[in-house]
Amino acid sequence: MEADEIKKLETIKHLTNICFTSLKPADDNSGVCTAKIRVYDYYELASVIRNLIKLCIVAIDQDAAEVPITVKNQHIDVGLILGIALQLFPVDEFELINEISYLYSNNQQRNEEKQNENFTEETA
């Protein structure tokens, strides 16, 4: 393997250790991972769960498109649900993909430049 390729693999390994933060392996060696969400307290956690359930009710019963009247608070806090979705969005992992892209796009540009130099030398 070329020294440049070895250096890239070492860089990718380092970035992987830094950027893979969204999922953590479970402690039971089952191959399952966990994702964390942050909430202030049990009440906010309950609100998240209630709003997810209400949203699912509306999604399932598209004809009615409303929360049943038997549910005390029928308002769906979509902002809360979207906030949880944002917490689960793997930004760090996308940063890793971006860095890998830069590593290999720069390498591809250098290879093309070398090929152009070799072609120019051969035709001269």
N, C-alpha and C. Protein backbone atom coordinates (compact mmCIF):
# COMPACT_ATOMS: atom_id res chain seq x y z
N MET A 1 0.84 -1.17 0.00
CA MET A 1 0.00 0.00 0.00
C MET A 1 0.90 1.25 0.00
N GLU A 2 0.50 2.24 -0.73
CA GLU A 2 1.26 3.48 -0.80
C GLU A 2 1.20 4.23 0.53
N ALA A 3 2.24 5.02 0.79
CA ALA A 3 2.29 5.81 2.03
C ALA A 3 1.10 6.77 2.12
N ASP A 4 0.70 7.32 0.96
CA ASP A 4 -0.43 8.25 0.93
C ASP A 4 -1.72 7.54 1.34
N GLU A 5 -1.91 6.31 0.87
CA GLU A 5 -3.11 5.55 1.21
C GLU A 5 -3.10 5.17 2.69
N ILE A 6 -1.93 4.81 3.22
CA ILE A 6 -1.83 4.47 4.64
C ILE A 6 -2.17 5.69 5.50
N LYS A 7 -1.67 6.85 5.09
CA LYS A 7 -1.95 8.09 5.82
C LYS A 7 -3.45 8.40 5.80
N LYS A 8 -4.09 8.18 4.66
CA LYS A 8 -5.53 8.42 4.55
C LYS A 8 -6.32 7.48 5.46
N LEU A 9 -5.91 6.21 5.48
CA LEU A 9 -6.60 5.25 6.35
C LEU A 9 -6.44 5.61 7.82
N GLU A 10 -5.26 6.07 8.20
CA GLU A 10 -5.04 6.51 9.58
C GLU A 10 -5.91 7.74 9.90
N THR A 11 -6.02 8.65 8.94
CA THR A 11 -6.86 9.83 9.12
C THR A 11 -8.32 9.43 9.27
N ILE A 12 -8.78 8.50 8.43
CA ILE A 12 -10.17 8.03 8.51
C ILE A 12 -10.42 7.35 9.85
N LYS A 13 -9.48 6.55 10.32
CA LYS A 13 -9.64 5.89 11.62
C LYS A 13 -9.76 6.93 12.74
N HIS A 14 -8.91 7.95 12.70
CA HIS A 14 -8.96 9.01 13.71
C HIS A 14 -10.30 9.75 13.64
N LEU A 15 -10.73 10.11 12.44
CA LEU A 15 -12.00 10.83 12.28
C LEU A 15 -13.18 9.97 12.73
N THR A 16 -13.10 8.67 12.46
CA THR A 16 -14.16 7.76 12.86
C THR A 16 -14.32 7.76 14.38
N ASN A 17 -13.20 7.74 15.09
CA ASN A 17 -13.26 7.76 16.56
C ASN A 17 -13.89 9.05 17.07
N ILE A 18 -13.67 10.14 16.36
CA ILE A 18 -14.20 11.43 16.79
C ILE A 18 -15.66 11.61 16.38
N CYS A 19 -16.00 11.19 15.17
CA CYS A 19 -17.29 11.56 14.57
C CYS A 19 -18.43 10.58 14.78
N PHE A 20 -18.16 9.31 15.03
CA PHE A 20 -19.26 8.37 15.23
C PHE A 20 -19.79 8.52 16.65
N THR A 21 -20.71 9.45 16.82
CA THR A 21 -21.22 9.78 18.15
C THR A 21 -22.71 9.54 18.33
N SER A 22 -23.46 9.39 17.25
CA SER A 22 -24.91 9.29 17.36
C SER A 22 -25.37 7.96 17.95
N LEU A 23 -24.66 6.89 17.63
CA LEU A 23 -25.04 5.57 18.12
C LEU A 23 -23.94 5.03 19.02
N LYS A 24 -24.37 4.40 20.10
CA LYS A 24 -23.44 3.74 21.03
C LYS A 24 -23.83 2.27 21.11
N PRO A 25 -22.86 1.37 21.01
CA PRO A 25 -23.20 -0.06 21.13
C PRO A 25 -23.80 -0.36 22.51
N ALA A 26 -24.79 -1.24 22.52
CA ALA A 26 -25.40 -1.64 23.79
C ALA A 26 -24.39 -2.46 24.59
N ASP A 27 -24.54 -2.46 25.89
CA ASP A 27 -23.59 -3.16 26.77
C ASP A 27 -23.70 -4.68 26.70
N ASP A 28 -24.75 -5.19 26.09
CA ASP A 28 -24.99 -6.64 26.13
C ASP A 28 -24.40 -7.41 24.94
N ASN A 29 -23.58 -6.77 24.13
CA ASN A 29 -22.94 -7.41 22.96
C ASN A 29 -23.94 -8.06 22.00
N SER A 30 -25.13 -7.50 21.91
CA SER A 30 -26.16 -8.05 21.02
C SER A 30 -26.06 -7.49 19.61
N GLY A 31 -25.20 -6.51 19.41
CA GLY A 31 -25.11 -5.87 18.10
C GLY A 31 -26.07 -4.70 17.95
N VAL A 32 -26.88 -4.46 18.98
CA VAL A 32 -27.85 -3.38 18.97
C VAL A 32 -27.16 -2.11 19.49
N CYS A 33 -27.58 -0.97 18.95
CA CYS A 33 -27.02 0.31 19.39
C CYS A 33 -28.11 1.15 20.04
N THR A 34 -27.68 2.15 20.79
CA THR A 34 -28.63 3.07 21.41
C THR A 34 -28.36 4.48 20.92
N ALA A 35 -29.42 5.27 20.87
CA ALA A 35 -29.32 6.69 20.53
C ALA A 35 -29.94 7.45 21.69
N LYS A 36 -29.29 8.52 22.11
CA LYS A 36 -29.78 9.28 23.25
C LYS A 36 -30.52 10.53 22.80
N ILE A 37 -31.53 10.88 23.58
CA ILE A 37 -32.18 12.18 23.42
C ILE A 37 -32.09 12.88 24.77
N ARG A 38 -32.02 14.18 24.72
CA ARG A 38 -31.92 14.96 25.96
C ARG A 38 -33.26 15.59 26.26
N VAL A 39 -33.70 15.44 27.48
CA VAL A 39 -34.92 16.08 27.97
C VAL A 39 -34.61 16.70 29.32
N TYR A 40 -35.38 17.71 29.69
CA TYR A 40 -35.16 18.38 30.97
C TYR A 40 -35.59 17.54 32.16
N ASP A 41 -36.71 16.82 31.98
CA ASP A 41 -37.25 16.07 33.11
C ASP A 41 -38.25 15.03 32.61
N TYR A 42 -38.84 14.31 33.54
CA TYR A 42 -39.82 13.28 33.17
C TYR A 42 -41.05 13.88 32.49
N TYR A 43 -41.42 15.08 32.89
CA TYR A 43 -42.58 15.71 32.28
C TYR A 43 -42.34 15.97 30.79
N GLU A 44 -41.16 16.46 30.45
CA GLU A 44 -40.87 16.68 29.02
C GLU A 44 -40.81 15.36 28.28
N LEU A 45 -40.25 14.33 28.89
CA LEU A 45 -40.23 13.01 28.26
C LEU A 45 -41.65 12.52 28.00
N ALA A 46 -42.51 12.70 28.99
CA ALA A 46 -43.91 12.31 28.83
C ALA A 46 -44.57 13.10 27.70
N SER A 47 -44.25 14.39 27.60
CA SER A 47 -44.80 15.22 26.52
C SER A 47 -44.35 14.72 25.15
N VAL A 48 -43.08 14.35 25.06
CA VAL A 48 -42.56 13.82 23.79
C VAL A 48 -43.32 12.55 23.41
N ILE A 49 -43.46 11.65 24.36
CA ILE A 49 -44.16 10.38 24.08
C ILE A 49 -45.61 10.62 23.71
N ARG A 50 -46.31 11.48 24.45
CA ARG A 50 -47.71 11.78 24.16
C ARG A 50 -47.87 12.40 22.76
N ASN A 51 -46.99 13.33 22.43
CA ASN A 51 -47.09 13.98 21.12
C ASN A 51 -46.77 13.02 19.99
N LEU A 52 -45.83 12.13 20.20
CA LEU A 52 -45.55 11.10 19.18
C LEU A 52 -46.76 10.21 18.96
N ILE A 53 -47.41 9.81 20.04
CA ILE A 53 -48.59 8.96 19.94
C ILE A 53 -49.72 9.71 19.23
N LYS A 54 -49.94 10.97 19.59
CA LYS A 54 -50.99 11.77 18.93
C LYS A 54 -50.71 11.90 17.44
N LEU A 55 -49.45 12.17 17.11
CA LEU A 55 -49.07 12.30 15.71
C LEU A 55 -49.33 11.01 14.95
N CYS A 56 -49.04 9.89 15.59
CA CYS A 56 -49.30 8.58 14.96
C CYS A 56 -50.79 8.33 14.79
N ILE A 57 -51.59 8.74 15.77
CA ILE A 57 -53.05 8.58 15.64
C ILE A 57 -53.56 9.33 14.43
N VAL A 58 -53.11 10.55 14.27
CA VAL A 58 -53.54 11.36 13.12
C VAL A 58 -53.04 10.74 11.82
N ALA A 59 -51.82 10.23 11.83
CA ALA A 59 -51.27 9.63 10.61
C ALA A 59 -52.01 8.35 10.23
N ILE A 60 -52.43 7.58 11.21
CA ILE A 60 -53.13 6.32 10.93
C ILE A 60 -54.55 6.58 10.44
N ASP A 61 -55.25 7.49 11.09
CA ASP A 61 -56.65 7.78 10.74
C ASP A 61 -56.69 9.05 9.90
N GLN A 62 -56.31 8.91 8.64
CA GLN A 62 -56.21 10.08 7.77
C GLN A 62 -57.56 10.71 7.46
N ASP A 63 -58.61 9.91 7.50
CA ASP A 63 -59.94 10.45 7.22
C ASP A 63 -60.37 11.43 8.31
N ALA A 64 -60.14 11.06 9.54
CA ALA A 64 -60.54 11.93 10.65
C ALA A 64 -59.53 13.08 10.80
N ALA A 65 -58.25 12.77 10.64
CA ALA A 65 -57.16 13.75 10.72
C ALA A 65 -57.22 14.62 11.97
N GLU A 66 -57.61 14.01 13.08
CA GLU A 66 -57.60 14.73 14.34
C GLU A 66 -57.43 13.73 15.47
N VAL A 67 -57.01 14.25 16.61
CA VAL A 67 -56.85 13.42 17.80
C VAL A 67 -58.25 13.17 18.36
N PRO A 68 -58.52 11.94 18.81
CA PRO A 68 -59.86 11.63 19.35
C PRO A 68 -60.24 12.58 20.49
N ILE A 69 -61.53 12.87 20.60
CA ILE A 69 -62.00 13.81 21.62
C ILE A 69 -61.81 13.26 23.04
N THR A 70 -61.57 11.98 23.15
CA THR A 70 -61.35 11.39 24.47
C THR A 70 -59.98 11.77 25.05
N VAL A 71 -59.08 12.26 24.19
CA VAL A 71 -57.77 12.70 24.66
C VAL A 71 -57.91 14.12 25.17
N LYS A 72 -57.46 14.33 26.42
CA LYS A 72 -57.67 15.62 27.09
C LYS A 72 -57.07 16.79 26.31
N ASN A 73 -55.77 16.76 26.07
CA ASN A 73 -55.12 17.83 25.32
C ASN A 73 -54.91 17.35 23.89
N GLN A 74 -55.66 17.88 22.94
CA GLN A 74 -55.61 17.40 21.57
C GLN A 74 -54.54 18.08 20.73
N HIS A 75 -53.93 19.11 21.25
CA HIS A 75 -52.89 19.84 20.53
C HIS A 75 -51.66 18.97 20.34
N ILE A 76 -51.11 18.95 19.13
CA ILE A 76 -49.88 18.21 18.85
C ILE A 76 -48.75 19.21 18.74
N ASP A 77 -47.75 19.06 19.60
CA ASP A 77 -46.60 19.96 19.61
C ASP A 77 -45.58 19.45 18.58
N VAL A 78 -45.76 19.83 17.34
CA VAL A 78 -44.90 19.38 16.26
C VAL A 78 -43.47 19.89 16.47
N GLY A 79 -43.32 21.08 17.03
CA GLY A 79 -41.99 21.62 17.30
C GLY A 79 -41.20 20.72 18.23
N LEU A 80 -41.86 20.18 19.24
CA LEU A 80 -41.20 19.27 20.18
C LEU A 80 -40.74 18.01 19.47
N ILE A 81 -41.58 17.47 18.62
CA ILE A 81 -41.24 16.26 17.87
C ILE A 81 -40.08 16.55 16.92
N LEU A 82 -40.11 17.67 16.24
CA LEU A 82 -39.02 18.02 15.33
C LEU A 82 -37.72 18.27 16.09
N GLY A 83 -37.81 18.81 17.30
CA GLY A 83 -36.63 19.00 18.13
C GLY A 83 -35.98 17.67 18.47
N ILE A 84 -36.78 16.67 18.76
CA ILE A 84 -36.24 15.33 19.03
C ILE A 84 -35.61 14.76 17.77
N ALA A 85 -36.27 14.95 16.64
CA ALA A 85 -35.70 14.47 15.38
C ALA A 85 -34.35 15.13 15.10
N LEU A 86 -34.23 16.41 15.41
CA LEU A 86 -32.95 17.10 15.23
C LEU A 86 -31.86 16.53 16.14
N GLN A 87 -32.23 16.17 17.37
CA GLN A 87 -31.26 15.56 18.27
C GLN A 87 -30.75 14.23 17.72
N LEU A 88 -31.62 13.50 17.05
CA LEU A 88 -31.25 12.19 16.53
C LEU A 88 -30.53 12.26 15.19
N PHE A 89 -30.54 13.41 14.55
CA PHE A 89 -29.90 13.57 13.24
C PHE A 89 -28.38 13.43 13.40
N PRO A 90 -27.75 12.54 12.64
CA PRO A 90 -26.32 12.25 12.84
C PRO A 90 -25.39 13.26 12.16
N VAL A 91 -25.31 14.46 12.70
CA VAL A 91 -24.48 15.52 12.12
C VAL A 91 -23.01 15.14 12.09
N ASP A 92 -22.50 14.58 13.18
CA ASP A 92 -21.08 14.21 13.23
C ASP A 92 -20.72 13.19 12.16
N GLU A 93 -21.63 12.25 11.91
CA GLU A 93 -21.37 11.24 10.91
C GLU A 93 -21.32 11.85 9.50
N PHE A 94 -22.16 12.85 9.27
CA PHE A 94 -22.11 13.54 7.98
C PHE A 94 -20.81 14.32 7.84
N GLU A 95 -20.31 14.83 8.95
CA GLU A 95 -19.01 15.52 8.92
C GLU A 95 -17.91 14.54 8.52
N LEU A 96 -17.98 13.32 9.03
CA LEU A 96 -17.01 12.29 8.66
C LEU A 96 -17.07 12.01 7.16
N ILE A 97 -18.27 11.84 6.64
CA ILE A 97 -18.43 11.59 5.21
C ILE A 97 -17.84 12.74 4.41
N ASN A 98 -18.06 13.96 4.86
CA ASN A 98 -17.53 15.13 4.20
C ASN A 98 -16.00 15.11 4.19
N GLU A 99 -15.39 14.79 5.34
CA GLU A 99 -13.93 14.75 5.45
C GLU A 99 -13.36 13.67 4.54
N ILE A 100 -14.00 12.50 4.51
CA ILE A 100 -13.54 11.41 3.63
C ILE A 100 -13.65 11.85 2.18
N SER A 101 -14.72 12.54 1.86
CA SER A 101 -14.90 13.05 0.50
C SER A 101 -13.76 13.98 0.11
N TYR A 102 -13.39 14.89 1.03
CA TYR A 102 -12.27 15.79 0.77
C TYR A 102 -10.97 15.03 0.58
N LEU A 103 -10.75 14.03 1.45
CA LEU A 103 -9.51 13.24 1.34
C LEU A 103 -9.38 12.62 -0.05
N TYR A 104 -10.46 12.02 -0.51
CA TYR A 104 -10.38 11.31 -1.78
C TYR A 104 -10.55 12.21 -2.99
N SER A 105 -11.24 13.32 -2.86
CA SER A 105 -11.34 14.24 -4.00
C SER A 105 -10.01 14.91 -4.24
N ASN A 106 -9.30 15.26 -3.15
CA ASN A 106 -7.97 15.84 -3.30
C ASN A 106 -7.01 14.84 -3.93
N ASN A 107 -7.12 13.57 -3.54
CA ASN A 107 -6.27 12.53 -4.10
C ASN A 107 -6.57 12.35 -5.58
N GLN A 108 -7.83 12.37 -5.94
CA GLN A 108 -8.22 12.20 -7.34
C GLN A 108 -7.68 13.37 -8.17
N GLN A 109 -7.75 14.59 -7.63
CA GLN A 109 -7.23 15.75 -8.36
C GLN A 109 -5.73 15.61 -8.57
N ARG A 110 -5.00 15.15 -7.51
CA ARG A 110 -3.56 14.97 -7.64
C ARG A 110 -3.22 13.90 -8.67
N ASN A 111 -3.98 12.81 -8.68
CA ASN A 111 -3.75 11.75 -9.66
C ASN A 111 -3.96 12.25 -11.08
N GLU A 112 -5.03 13.06 -11.26
CA GLU A 112 -5.29 13.62 -12.59
C GLU A 112 -4.17 14.57 -13.01
N GLU A 113 -3.68 15.37 -12.05
CA GLU A 113 -2.57 16.28 -12.36
C GLU A 113 -1.32 15.51 -12.75
N LYS A 114 -1.02 14.41 -12.04
CA LYS A 114 0.14 13.58 -12.37
C LYS A 114 -0.02 12.97 -13.75
N GLN A 115 -1.23 12.49 -14.06
CA GLN A 115 -1.47 11.91 -15.38
C GLN A 115 -1.28 12.96 -16.46
N ASN A 116 -1.76 14.17 -16.22
CA ASN A 116 -1.59 15.26 -17.19
C ASN A 116 -0.11 15.59 -17.37
N GLU A 117 0.65 15.61 -16.26
CA GLU A 117 2.09 15.88 -16.34
C GLU A 117 2.80 14.79 -17.13
N ASN A 118 2.46 13.53 -16.86
CA ASN A 118 3.08 12.41 -17.58
C ASN A 118 2.74 12.48 -19.08
N PHE A 119 1.48 12.82 -19.37
CA PHE A 119 1.05 12.91 -20.77
C PHE A 119 1.82 14.03 -21.48
N THR A 120 1.97 15.15 -20.78
CA THR A 120 2.68 16.30 -21.36
C THR A 120 4.14 15.94 -21.62
N GLU A 121 4.78 15.22 -20.67
CA GLU A 121 6.17 14.81 -20.84
C GLU A 121 6.31 13.83 -21.99
N GLU A 122 5.36 12.91 -22.14
CA GLU A 122 5.43 11.91 -23.20
C GLU A 122 5.24 12.53 -24.58
N THR A 123 4.40 13.54 -24.68
CA THR A 123 4.13 14.15 -25.98
C THR A 123 5.17 15.20 -26.36
N ALA A 124 5.98 15.64 -25.39
CA ALA A 124 6.96 16.68 -25.68
C ALA A 124 8.19 16.13 -26.38
